[in-house]
């Protein structure tokens, strides 16, 4: 699929789909606010004020930019050096489609990167590496506050075990190549092609998970997601809570993990329900818990979507 054709296809449906999803989500958030007591929710949002809102947006922007730096590093590991301005546009464009089911929207980056000589397996490997690094970083942030909620320990331990298994699996280069050969010989052509393509993505991603690169990507991810966790902590304190930073980081990270594993677009529903429940457990009044959740999701998820839609509407930088 050429870039021109991709743009033509996207141009026909992307804004219509986004508009429908945004309207449905807006109605959902309206109902969410009414459930919390809309007068109290509005009062809480006004209490956060312009400065608090701008601070939360700025910290979210720090998250996006640090993750972009890591994204560039992943592409460089595969010997691709896309001009940073065009690469930033492509990276942010993926956020514009975050609220599509699964992670299909963000993978649209592969279509645009193809025009810069990045093959689909390579760009999807970078995407896979990016998502896995996010997951590990969020898990580590959740672990920081895990001891405050012993009941959450089994889930965090289970996720940690899964990640360790994935990382070990990613290092099995020879085994994966042998599996690729077996699949090509034994399975029907269409199924074999799908599995082989997945194995190729994993093989390419191995370059992003050498020990130095792994430590770098996880550390950068923790700082990036920690910035949004600090935004959450700041908003909670503006509303008069004395919650510790450790607890705030846990609530934010754990809520995001639940949202990610709900497989709903952008974690909608799962993230919000978990965040409100944990805030209520920490003696935050329901209207304030709803207000914090609405504001932080507007400043993180929906801010990213808005920037992504803007990036999608920007012209492509010519390939030199």
C-alpha atoms as a PDB file:
ATOM      1  CA  UNK A   1       0.000   0.000   0.000  1.00  0.00           C
ATOM      2  CA  UNK A   2       1.521   3.357  -1.054  1.00  0.00           C
ATOM      3  CA  UNK A   3       1.572   6.384   1.201  1.00  0.00           C
ATOM      4  CA  UNK A   4      -0.789   8.249  -1.167  1.00  0.00           C
ATOM      5  CA  UNK A   5      -3.257   5.387  -1.197  1.00  0.00           C
ATOM      6  CA  UNK A   6      -2.992   5.024   2.576  1.00  0.00           C
ATOM      7  CA  UNK A   7      -3.763   8.725   3.023  1.00  0.00           C
ATOM      8  CA  UNK A   8      -6.720   8.473   0.646  1.00  0.00           C
ATOM      9  CA  UNK A   9      -8.153   5.529   2.556  1.00  0.00           C
ATOM     10  CA  UNK A  10      -7.545   7.173   5.903  1.00  0.00           C
ATOM     11  CA  UNK A  11      -9.028  10.416   4.642  1.00  0.00           C
ATOM     12  CA  UNK A  12     -12.362   8.738   3.923  1.00  0.00           C
ATOM     13  CA  UNK A  13     -12.939   7.117   7.246  1.00  0.00           C
ATOM     14  CA  UNK A  14     -10.493   8.167   9.939  1.00  0.00           C
ATOM     15  CA  UNK A  15     -12.167  11.413  10.991  1.00  0.00           C
ATOM     16  CA  UNK A  16     -15.658   9.878  10.718  1.00  0.00           C
ATOM     17  CA  UNK A  17     -14.636   6.941  12.913  1.00  0.00           C
ATOM     18  CA  UNK A  18     -12.776   9.202  15.322  1.00  0.00           C
ATOM     19  CA  UNK A  19     -15.751  11.553  15.542  1.00  0.00           C
ATOM     20  CA  UNK A  20     -18.134   8.696  16.350  1.00  0.00           C
ATOM     21  CA  UNK A  21     -15.786   7.245  18.967  1.00  0.00           C
ATOM     22  CA  UNK A  22     -15.117  10.662  20.499  1.00  0.00           C
ATOM     23  CA  UNK A  23     -18.863  11.403  20.697  1.00  0.00           C
ATOM     24  CA  UNK A  24     -19.629   8.021  22.266  1.00  0.00           C
ATOM     25  CA  UNK A  25     -16.744   8.438  24.690  1.00  0.00           C
ATOM     26  CA  UNK A  26     -17.838  11.984  25.515  1.00  0.00           C
ATOM     27  CA  UNK A  27     -21.317  10.693  26.347  1.00  0.00           C
ATOM     28  CA  UNK A  28     -19.710   8.015  28.472  1.00  0.00           C
ATOM     29  CA  UNK A  29     -17.609  10.588  30.322  1.00  0.00           C
ATOM     30  CA  UNK A  30     -20.714  12.764  30.780  1.00  0.00           C
ATOM     31  CA  UNK A  31     -22.544   9.821  32.343  1.00  0.00           C
ATOM     32  CA  UNK A  32     -19.445   9.081  34.404  1.00  0.00           C
ATOM     33  CA  UNK A  33     -19.480  12.644  35.757  1.00  0.00           C
ATOM     34  CA  UNK A  34     -23.223  12.538  36.467  1.00  0.00           C
ATOM     35  CA  UNK A  35     -22.692   9.337  38.415  1.00  0.00           C
ATOM     36  CA  UNK A  36     -20.124  11.138  40.568  1.00  0.00           C
ATOM     37  CA  UNK A  37     -22.448  14.083  41.159  1.00  0.00           C
ATOM     38  CA  UNK A  38     -21.929  16.589  38.379  1.00  0.00           C
ATOM     39  CA  UNK A  39     -21.925  19.721  40.547  1.00  0.00           C
ATOM     40  CA  UNK A  40     -19.233  18.304  42.794  1.00  0.00           C
ATOM     41  CA  UNK A  41     -17.237  17.049  39.798  1.00  0.00           C
ATOM     42  CA  UNK A  42     -17.350  20.469  38.103  1.00  0.00           C
ATOM     43  CA  UNK A  43     -16.367  22.157  41.385  1.00  0.00           C
ATOM     44  CA  UNK A  44     -13.398  19.797  41.743  1.00  0.00           C
ATOM     45  CA  UNK A  45     -12.278  20.450  38.155  1.00  0.00           C
ATOM     46  CA  UNK A  46     -12.499  24.213  38.740  1.00  0.00           C
ATOM     47  CA  UNK A  47     -10.411  23.787  41.884  1.00  0.00           C
ATOM     48  CA  UNK A  48      -7.640  22.156  39.842  1.00  0.00           C
ATOM     49  CA  UNK A  49      -7.749  25.249  37.649  1.00  0.00           C
ATOM     50  CA  UNK A  50      -5.797  26.320  34.590  1.00  0.00           C
ATOM     51  CA  UNK A  51      -2.358  25.985  36.160  1.00  0.00           C
ATOM     52  CA  UNK A  52      -3.040  22.448  37.345  1.00  0.00           C
ATOM     53  CA  UNK A  53      -4.429  21.470  33.944  1.00  0.00           C
ATOM     54  CA  UNK A  54      -1.470  22.963  32.055  1.00  0.00           C
ATOM     55  CA  UNK A  55       0.978  21.216  34.412  1.00  0.00           C
ATOM     56  CA  UNK A  56      -0.737  17.869  33.778  1.00  0.00           C
ATOM     57  CA  UNK A  57      -0.628  18.435  29.997  1.00  0.00           C
ATOM     58  CA  UNK A  58       3.059  19.419  30.172  1.00  0.00           C
ATOM     59  CA  UNK A  59       3.949  16.258  32.079  1.00  0.00           C
ATOM     60  CA  UNK A  60       2.002  14.184  29.537  1.00  0.00           C
ATOM     61  CA  UNK A  61       3.983  15.862  26.780  1.00  0.00           C
ATOM     62  CA  UNK A  62       7.186  14.833  28.556  1.00  0.00           C
ATOM     63  CA  UNK A  63       5.889  11.251  28.413  1.00  0.00           C
ATOM     64  CA  UNK A  64       5.268  11.378  24.645  1.00  0.00           C
ATOM     65  CA  UNK A  65       8.616  12.997  23.825  1.00  0.00           C
ATOM     66  CA  UNK A  66      10.684  10.587  25.930  1.00  0.00           C
ATOM     67  CA  UNK A  67       8.920   7.630  24.364  1.00  0.00           C
ATOM     68  CA  UNK A  68       9.618   9.125  20.933  1.00  0.00           C
ATOM     69  CA  UNK A  69      13.334   9.316  21.793  1.00  0.00           C
ATOM     70  CA  UNK A  70      13.189   5.607  22.621  1.00  0.00           C
ATOM     71  CA  UNK A  71      11.285   4.932  19.374  1.00  0.00           C
ATOM     72  CA  UNK A  72      14.055   6.607  17.373  1.00  0.00           C
ATOM     73  CA  UNK A  73      16.574   4.446  19.175  1.00  0.00           C
ATOM     74  CA  UNK A  74      14.632   1.306  18.249  1.00  0.00           C
ATOM     75  CA  UNK A  75      14.609   2.330  14.581  1.00  0.00           C
ATOM     76  CA  UNK A  76      18.345   3.074  14.761  1.00  0.00           C
ATOM     77  CA  UNK A  77      18.933  -0.421  16.181  1.00  0.00           C
ATOM     78  CA  UNK A  78      17.492  -1.699  12.893  1.00  0.00           C
ATOM     79  CA  UNK A  79      19.782   0.611  10.892  1.00  0.00           C
ATOM     80  CA  UNK A  80      17.059   3.089   9.932  1.00  0.00           C
ATOM     81  CA  UNK A  81      17.542   6.809  10.498  1.00  0.00           C
ATOM     82  CA  UNK A  82      14.318   8.628   9.646  1.00  0.00           C
ATOM     83  CA  UNK A  83      14.562  12.435   9.940  1.00  0.00           C
ATOM     84  CA  UNK A  84      13.394  13.297  13.441  1.00  0.00           C
ATOM     85  CA  UNK A  85      10.672  15.746  12.323  1.00  0.00           C
ATOM     86  CA  UNK A  86       9.029  13.228   9.997  1.00  0.00           C
ATOM     87  CA  UNK A  87       9.549  10.410  12.473  1.00  0.00           C
ATOM     88  CA  UNK A  88       7.925  12.488  15.238  1.00  0.00           C
ATOM     89  CA  UNK A  89       4.944  13.201  12.967  1.00  0.00           C
ATOM     90  CA  UNK A  90       4.588   9.483  12.221  1.00  0.00           C
ATOM     91  CA  UNK A  91       4.978   8.494  15.874  1.00  0.00           C
ATOM     92  CA  UNK A  92       2.401  11.003  17.073  1.00  0.00           C
ATOM     93  CA  UNK A  93       0.028  10.058  14.227  1.00  0.00           C
ATOM     94  CA  UNK A  94      -0.256   6.615  15.796  1.00  0.00           C
ATOM     95  CA  UNK A  95      -1.793   8.202  18.901  1.00  0.00           C
ATOM     96  CA  UNK A  96      -4.561   9.680  16.760  1.00  0.00           C
ATOM     97  CA  UNK A  97      -5.922   6.173  16.256  1.00  0.00           C
ATOM     98  CA  UNK A  98      -5.241   4.876  19.777  1.00  0.00           C
ATOM     99  CA  UNK A  99      -8.954   4.634  20.498  1.00  0.00           C
ATOM    100  CA  UNK A 100      -9.486   2.070  17.753  1.00  0.00           C
ATOM    101  CA  UNK A 101      -9.837  -1.533  19.014  1.00  0.00           C
ATOM    102  CA  UNK A 102      -6.679  -3.271  20.198  1.00  0.00           C
ATOM    103  CA  UNK A 103      -3.491  -1.625  19.012  1.00  0.00           C
ATOM    104  CA  UNK A 104      -4.479  -1.534  15.347  1.00  0.00           C
ATOM    105  CA  UNK A 105      -4.517   2.265  15.301  1.00  0.00           C
ATOM    106  CA  UNK A 106      -0.962   2.792  16.527  1.00  0.00           C
ATOM    107  CA  UNK A 107       0.375   0.221  14.055  1.00  0.00           C
ATOM    108  CA  UNK A 108      -0.596   2.626  11.233  1.00  0.00           C
ATOM    109  CA  UNK A 109       2.933   3.992  11.711  1.00  0.00           C
ATOM    110  CA  UNK A 110       4.159   1.034   9.672  1.00  0.00           C
ATOM    111  CA  UNK A 111       2.323   2.300   6.574  1.00  0.00           C
ATOM    112  CA  UNK A 112       4.050   5.682   6.762  1.00  0.00           C
ATOM    113  CA  UNK A 113       7.486   4.282   7.661  1.00  0.00           C
ATOM    114  CA  UNK A 114       7.388   2.004   4.598  1.00  0.00           C
ATOM    115  CA  UNK A 115       7.950   5.112   2.480  1.00  0.00           C
ATOM    116  CA  UNK A 116      11.222   5.672   4.354  1.00  0.00           C
ATOM    117  CA  UNK A 117      12.622   2.224   3.639  1.00  0.00           C
ATOM    118  CA  UNK A 118      11.472   0.593   6.880  1.00  0.00           C
ATOM    119  CA  UNK A 119       9.927  -2.798   6.126  1.00  0.00           C
ATOM    120  CA  UNK A 120       6.709  -3.878   7.795  1.00  0.00           C
ATOM    121  CA  UNK A 121       8.414  -6.558   9.929  1.00  0.00           C
ATOM    122  CA  UNK A 122      10.981  -3.995  11.134  1.00  0.00           C
ATOM    123  CA  UNK A 123       8.481  -1.253  11.970  1.00  0.00           C
ATOM    124  CA  UNK A 124       6.176  -3.760  13.666  1.00  0.00           C
ATOM    125  CA  UNK A 125       9.184  -5.051  15.614  1.00  0.00           C
ATOM    126  CA  UNK A 126       9.850  -1.482  16.786  1.00  0.00           C
ATOM    127  CA  UNK A 127       6.170  -1.199  17.733  1.00  0.00           C
ATOM    128  CA  UNK A 128       6.295  -4.513  19.612  1.00  0.00           C
ATOM    129  CA  UNK A 129       9.475  -3.416  21.419  1.00  0.00           C
ATOM    130  CA  UNK A 130       7.859  -0.091  22.301  1.00  0.00           C
ATOM    131  CA  UNK A 131       4.758  -1.746  23.756  1.00  0.00           C
ATOM    132  CA  UNK A 132       6.715  -4.358  25.707  1.00  0.00           C
ATOM    133  CA  UNK A 133       9.018  -1.665  27.141  1.00  0.00           C
ATOM    134  CA  UNK A 134       5.930   0.300  28.203  1.00  0.00           C
ATOM    135  CA  UNK A 135       4.479  -2.770  29.894  1.00  0.00           C
ATOM    136  CA  UNK A 136       7.678  -3.516  31.811  1.00  0.00           C
ATOM    137  CA  UNK A 137       8.084   0.130  32.855  1.00  0.00           C
ATOM    138  CA  UNK A 138       4.499   0.345  34.088  1.00  0.00           C
ATOM    139  CA  UNK A 139       4.873  -2.923  35.978  1.00  0.00           C
ATOM    140  CA  UNK A 140       7.970  -1.611  37.762  1.00  0.00           C
ATOM    141  CA  UNK A 141       6.163   1.611  38.680  1.00  0.00           C
ATOM    142  CA  UNK A 142       3.249  -0.422  40.024  1.00  0.00           C
ATOM    143  CA  UNK A 143       5.684  -2.525  42.034  1.00  0.00           C
ATOM    144  CA  UNK A 144       6.923   0.612  43.813  1.00  0.00           C
ATOM    145  CA  UNK A 145       3.554   0.920  45.507  1.00  0.00           C
ATOM    146  CA  UNK A 146       2.644  -2.755  45.516  1.00  0.00           C
ATOM    147  CA  UNK A 147       3.412  -3.180  49.212  1.00  0.00           C
ATOM    148  CA  UNK A 148       0.702  -0.649  50.046  1.00  0.00           C
ATOM    149  CA  UNK A 149      -1.827  -3.068  48.472  1.00  0.00           C
ATOM    150  CA  UNK A 150      -0.886  -6.676  49.270  1.00  0.00           C
ATOM    151  CA  UNK A 151      -4.039  -7.888  47.480  1.00  0.00           C
ATOM    152  CA  UNK A 152      -2.559  -6.641  44.174  1.00  0.00           C
ATOM    153  CA  UNK A 153       0.631  -8.657  44.642  1.00  0.00           C
ATOM    154  CA  UNK A 154      -0.537 -11.850  42.835  1.00  0.00           C
ATOM    155  CA  UNK A 155      -1.444  -9.974  39.656  1.00  0.00           C
ATOM    156  CA  UNK A 156       1.817  -8.014  39.585  1.00  0.00           C
ATOM    157  CA  UNK A 157       3.844 -11.179  40.207  1.00  0.00           C
ATOM    158  CA  UNK A 158       1.927 -12.976  37.439  1.00  0.00           C
ATOM    159  CA  UNK A 159       2.626 -10.144  34.986  1.00  0.00           C
ATOM    160  CA  UNK A 160       6.290 -10.089  36.009  1.00  0.00           C
ATOM    161  CA  UNK A 161       6.546 -13.817  35.322  1.00  0.00           C
ATOM    162  CA  UNK A 162       4.925 -13.351  31.916  1.00  0.00           C
ATOM    163  CA  UNK A 163       7.371 -10.588  31.003  1.00  0.00           C
ATOM    164  CA  UNK A 164      10.392 -12.643  32.092  1.00  0.00           C
ATOM    165  CA  UNK A 165       9.114 -15.519  29.935  1.00  0.00           C
ATOM    166  CA  UNK A 166       8.682 -13.194  26.930  1.00  0.00           C
ATOM    167  CA  UNK A 167      12.177 -11.742  27.358  1.00  0.00           C
ATOM    168  CA  UNK A 168      13.707 -15.226  27.541  1.00  0.00           C
ATOM    169  CA  UNK A 169      11.664 -16.283  24.512  1.00  0.00           C
ATOM    170  CA  UNK A 170      12.916 -13.270  22.552  1.00  0.00           C
ATOM    171  CA  UNK A 171      16.518 -14.365  23.012  1.00  0.00           C
ATOM    172  CA  UNK A 172      15.974 -17.808  21.443  1.00  0.00           C
ATOM    173  CA  UNK A 173      17.231 -16.873  17.962  1.00  0.00           C
ATOM    174  CA  UNK A 174      18.154 -20.354  16.744  1.00  0.00           C
ATOM    175  CA  UNK A 175      15.012 -21.935  18.155  1.00  0.00           C
ATOM    176  CA  UNK A 176      12.848 -19.321  16.447  1.00  0.00           C
ATOM    177  CA  UNK A 177      14.600 -19.876  13.118  1.00  0.00           C
ATOM    178  CA  UNK A 178      14.049 -23.628  13.424  1.00  0.00           C
ATOM    179  CA  UNK A 179      10.404 -23.038  14.297  1.00  0.00           C
ATOM    180  CA  UNK A 180      10.108 -20.848  11.194  1.00  0.00           C
ATOM    181  CA  UNK A 181      11.377 -23.721   9.028  1.00  0.00           C
ATOM    182  CA  UNK A 182       9.010 -26.246  10.636  1.00  0.00           C
ATOM    183  CA  UNK A 183       6.030 -23.936  10.150  1.00  0.00           C
ATOM    184  CA  UNK A 184       6.836 -23.412   6.467  1.00  0.00           C
ATOM    185  CA  UNK A 185       7.095 -27.158   5.876  1.00  0.00           C
ATOM    186  CA  UNK A 186       4.207 -28.461   7.964  1.00  0.00           C
ATOM    187  CA  UNK A 187       1.409 -25.893   7.932  1.00  0.00           C
ATOM    188  CA  UNK A 188      -0.956 -24.647   5.189  1.00  0.00           C
ATOM    189  CA  UNK A 189       0.537 -21.790   3.188  1.00  0.00           C
ATOM    190  CA  UNK A 190      -1.772 -19.029   4.454  1.00  0.00           C
ATOM    191  CA  UNK A 191      -1.396 -19.955   8.126  1.00  0.00           C
ATOM    192  CA  UNK A 192       2.342 -20.527   7.691  1.00  0.00           C
ATOM    193  CA  UNK A 193       2.740 -17.065   6.164  1.00  0.00           C
ATOM    194  CA  UNK A 194       0.992 -15.444   9.122  1.00  0.00           C
ATOM    195  CA  UNK A 195       3.101 -17.315  11.692  1.00  0.00           C
ATOM    196  CA  UNK A 196       6.350 -16.735   9.794  1.00  0.00           C
ATOM    197  CA  UNK A 197       5.574 -13.014   9.613  1.00  0.00           C
ATOM    198  CA  UNK A 198       5.072 -12.971  13.394  1.00  0.00           C
ATOM    199  CA  UNK A 199       8.364 -14.819  13.924  1.00  0.00           C
ATOM    200  CA  UNK A 200      10.139 -12.317  11.654  1.00  0.00           C
ATOM    201  CA  UNK A 201       8.817  -9.470  13.807  1.00  0.00           C
ATOM    202  CA  UNK A 202      10.130 -11.204  16.941  1.00  0.00           C
ATOM    203  CA  UNK A 203      13.515 -11.860  15.318  1.00  0.00           C
ATOM    204  CA  UNK A 204      13.851  -8.202  14.323  1.00  0.00           C
ATOM    205  CA  UNK A 205      12.857  -7.087  17.820  1.00  0.00           C
ATOM    206  CA  UNK A 206      15.796  -9.016  19.315  1.00  0.00           C
ATOM    207  CA  UNK A 207      18.049  -6.134  18.283  1.00  0.00           C
ATOM    208  CA  UNK A 208      16.055  -3.880  20.614  1.00  0.00           C
ATOM    209  CA  UNK A 209      16.481  -6.182  23.602  1.00  0.00           C
ATOM    210  CA  UNK A 210      20.187  -6.593  24.088  1.00  0.00           C
ATOM    211  CA  UNK A 211      20.966  -6.018  27.779  1.00  0.00           C
ATOM    212  CA  UNK A 212      22.216  -2.390  27.432  1.00  0.00           C
ATOM    213  CA  UNK A 213      19.296  -1.471  25.161  1.00  0.00           C
ATOM    214  CA  UNK A 214      16.821  -3.235  27.444  1.00  0.00           C
ATOM    215  CA  UNK A 215      18.014  -1.308  30.502  1.00  0.00           C
ATOM    216  CA  UNK A 216      17.969   1.956  28.527  1.00  0.00           C
ATOM    217  CA  UNK A 217      14.436   1.467  27.192  1.00  0.00           C
ATOM    218  CA  UNK A 218      13.003   0.423  30.555  1.00  0.00           C
ATOM    219  CA  UNK A 219      14.675   3.314  32.413  1.00  0.00           C
ATOM    220  CA  UNK A 220      13.424   5.831  29.839  1.00  0.00           C
ATOM    221  CA  UNK A 221       9.959   4.283  30.007  1.00  0.00           C
ATOM    222  CA  UNK A 222       9.854   4.555  33.791  1.00  0.00           C
ATOM    223  CA  UNK A 223      10.757   8.256  33.637  1.00  0.00           C
ATOM    224  CA  UNK A 224       8.205   8.836  30.846  1.00  0.00           C
ATOM    225  CA  UNK A 225       5.306   7.069  32.552  1.00  0.00           C
ATOM    226  CA  UNK A 226       6.464   8.371  35.928  1.00  0.00           C
ATOM    227  CA  UNK A 227       5.904  11.898  34.596  1.00  0.00           C
ATOM    228  CA  UNK A 228       2.217  11.122  34.073  1.00  0.00           C
ATOM    229  CA  UNK A 229       2.138   9.479  37.501  1.00  0.00           C
ATOM    230  CA  UNK A 230       3.475  12.715  39.000  1.00  0.00           C
ATOM    231  CA  UNK A 231       0.734  14.601  37.121  1.00  0.00           C
ATOM    232  CA  UNK A 232      -1.812  12.296  38.753  1.00  0.00           C
ATOM    233  CA  UNK A 233      -0.210  12.898  42.176  1.00  0.00           C
ATOM    234  CA  UNK A 234      -0.248  16.674  41.606  1.00  0.00           C
ATOM    235  CA  UNK A 235      -3.926  16.753  40.643  1.00  0.00           C
ATOM    236  CA  UNK A 236      -4.890  14.627  43.657  1.00  0.00           C
ATOM    237  CA  UNK A 237      -3.009  17.021  45.967  1.00  0.00           C
ATOM    238  CA  UNK A 238      -4.648  20.072  44.405  1.00  0.00           C
ATOM    239  CA  UNK A 239      -7.932  18.584  45.583  1.00  0.00           C
ATOM    240  CA  UNK A 240      -6.671  18.420  49.156  1.00  0.00           C
ATOM    241  CA  UNK A 241      -5.505  14.812  49.519  1.00  0.00           C
ATOM    242  CA  UNK A 242      -2.314  13.950  51.422  1.00  0.00           C
ATOM    243  CA  UNK A 243      -1.741  10.774  49.384  1.00  0.00           C
ATOM    244  CA  UNK A 244       1.932   9.772  49.097  1.00  0.00           C
ATOM    245  CA  UNK A 245       3.751   9.789  45.757  1.00  0.00           C
ATOM    246  CA  UNK A 246       4.354   6.042  46.147  1.00  0.00           C
ATOM    247  CA  UNK A 247       0.626   5.365  46.413  1.00  0.00           C
ATOM    248  CA  UNK A 248      -0.235   7.746  43.563  1.00  0.00           C
ATOM    249  CA  UNK A 249       2.292   6.070  41.233  1.00  0.00           C
ATOM    250  CA  UNK A 250       0.847   2.671  42.086  1.00  0.00           C
ATOM    251  CA  UNK A 251      -2.764   3.739  41.467  1.00  0.00           C
ATOM    252  CA  UNK A 252      -1.892   5.307  38.136  1.00  0.00           C
ATOM    253  CA  UNK A 253       0.363   2.491  36.908  1.00  0.00           C
ATOM    254  CA  UNK A 254      -1.920  -0.321  38.110  1.00  0.00           C
ATOM    255  CA  UNK A 255      -4.985   1.336  36.538  1.00  0.00           C
ATOM    256  CA  UNK A 256      -3.132   1.656  33.222  1.00  0.00           C
ATOM    257  CA  UNK A 257      -2.093  -2.003  33.369  1.00  0.00           C
ATOM    258  CA  UNK A 258      -5.695  -3.095  33.975  1.00  0.00           C
ATOM    259  CA  UNK A 259      -6.787  -0.914  31.044  1.00  0.00           C
ATOM    260  CA  UNK A 260      -4.096  -2.394  28.805  1.00  0.00           C
ATOM    261  CA  UNK A 261      -5.148  -5.960  29.602  1.00  0.00           C
ATOM    262  CA  UNK A 262      -8.817  -5.161  29.107  1.00  0.00           C
ATOM    263  CA  UNK A 263      -8.011  -4.940  25.346  1.00  0.00           C
ATOM    264  CA  UNK A 264     -10.533  -2.116  25.047  1.00  0.00           C
ATOM    265  CA  UNK A 265      -9.637   0.919  22.872  1.00  0.00           C
ATOM    266  CA  UNK A 266      -7.268   3.094  24.896  1.00  0.00           C
ATOM    267  CA  UNK A 267      -8.163   1.035  27.982  1.00  0.00           C
ATOM    268  CA  UNK A 268     -11.467   2.914  28.121  1.00  0.00           C
ATOM    269  CA  UNK A 269     -13.640   1.766  30.989  1.00  0.00           C
ATOM    270  CA  UNK A 270     -11.170  -0.569  32.659  1.00  0.00           C
ATOM    271  CA  UNK A 271      -8.652   2.157  33.482  1.00  0.00           C
ATOM    272  CA  UNK A 272     -11.297   4.579  34.771  1.00  0.00           C
ATOM    273  CA  UNK A 273     -13.134   2.013  36.901  1.00  0.00           C
ATOM    274  CA  UNK A 274      -9.902   0.801  38.500  1.00  0.00           C
ATOM    275  CA  UNK A 275      -8.642   4.320  39.164  1.00  0.00           C
ATOM    276  CA  UNK A 276     -11.891   5.429  40.818  1.00  0.00           C
ATOM    277  CA  UNK A 277     -12.052   2.248  42.917  1.00  0.00           C
ATOM    278  CA  UNK A 278      -8.490   2.684  44.196  1.00  0.00           C
ATOM    279  CA  UNK A 279      -9.050   6.373  44.943  1.00  0.00           C
ATOM    280  CA  UNK A 280     -12.168   5.505  46.933  1.00  0.00           C
ATOM    281  CA  UNK A 281     -10.134   2.933  48.887  1.00  0.00           C
ATOM    282  CA  UNK A 282      -7.755   5.767  49.764  1.00  0.00           C
ATOM    283  CA  UNK A 283     -10.518   7.844  51.311  1.00  0.00           C
ATOM    284  CA  UNK A 284     -11.041  10.170  48.341  1.00  0.00           C
ATOM    285  CA  UNK A 285     -14.675  11.272  48.041  1.00  0.00           C
ATOM    286  CA  UNK A 286     -16.512   9.872  45.028  1.00  0.00           C
ATOM    287  CA  UNK A 287     -16.988  13.220  43.204  1.00  0.00           C
ATOM    288  CA  UNK A 288     -13.294  14.044  43.637  1.00  0.00           C
ATOM    289  CA  UNK A 289     -12.263  10.531  42.573  1.00  0.00           C
ATOM    290  CA  UNK A 290     -14.338  10.877  39.398  1.00  0.00           C
ATOM    291  CA  UNK A 291     -12.986  14.401  38.784  1.00  0.00           C
ATOM    292  CA  UNK A 292      -9.374  13.269  39.153  1.00  0.00           C
ATOM    293  CA  UNK A 293      -9.981  10.339  36.819  1.00  0.00           C
ATOM    294  CA  UNK A 294     -11.729  12.446  34.161  1.00  0.00           C
ATOM    295  CA  UNK A 295      -9.059  15.154  34.253  1.00  0.00           C
ATOM    296  CA  UNK A 296      -6.058  12.833  34.181  1.00  0.00           C
ATOM    297  CA  UNK A 297      -7.513  10.833  31.289  1.00  0.00           C
ATOM    298  CA  UNK A 298      -8.228  14.021  29.366  1.00  0.00           C
ATOM    299  CA  UNK A 299      -4.655  15.144  30.008  1.00  0.00           C
ATOM    300  CA  UNK A 300      -3.128  11.820  28.974  1.00  0.00           C
ATOM    301  CA  UNK A 301      -5.243   9.692  26.630  1.00  0.00           C
ATOM    302  CA  UNK A 302      -7.344  12.401  24.963  1.00  0.00           C
ATOM    303  CA  UNK A 303      -4.481  14.898  24.754  1.00  0.00           C
ATOM    304  CA  UNK A 304      -2.495  12.229  22.879  1.00  0.00           C
ATOM    305  CA  UNK A 305      -5.444  11.548  20.573  1.00  0.00           C
ATOM    306  CA  UNK A 306      -5.774  15.279  19.791  1.00  0.00           C
ATOM    307  CA  UNK A 307      -2.059  15.586  19.001  1.00  0.00           C
ATOM    308  CA  UNK A 308      -2.280  12.427  16.907  1.00  0.00           C
ATOM    309  CA  UNK A 309      -5.175  13.729  14.825  1.00  0.00           C
ATOM    310  CA  UNK A 310      -3.187  16.922  14.253  1.00  0.00           C
ATOM    311  CA  UNK A 311      -0.166  14.864  13.145  1.00  0.00           C
ATOM    312  CA  UNK A 312      -2.357  12.826  10.766  1.00  0.00           C
ATOM    313  CA  UNK A 313      -3.512  16.024   9.092  1.00  0.00           C
ATOM    314  CA  UNK A 314       0.046  17.323   8.557  1.00  0.00           C
ATOM    315  CA  UNK A 315       1.726  16.874   5.150  1.00  0.00           C
ATOM    316  CA  UNK A 316       4.375  14.217   4.698  1.00  0.00           C
ATOM    317  CA  UNK A 317       8.007  15.313   4.667  1.00  0.00           C
ATOM    318  CA  UNK A 318       9.491  14.398   1.299  1.00  0.00           C
ATOM    319  CA  UNK A 319      11.838  11.403   1.269  1.00  0.00           C
ATOM    320  CA  UNK A 320      15.289  12.553   0.180  1.00  0.00           C
END
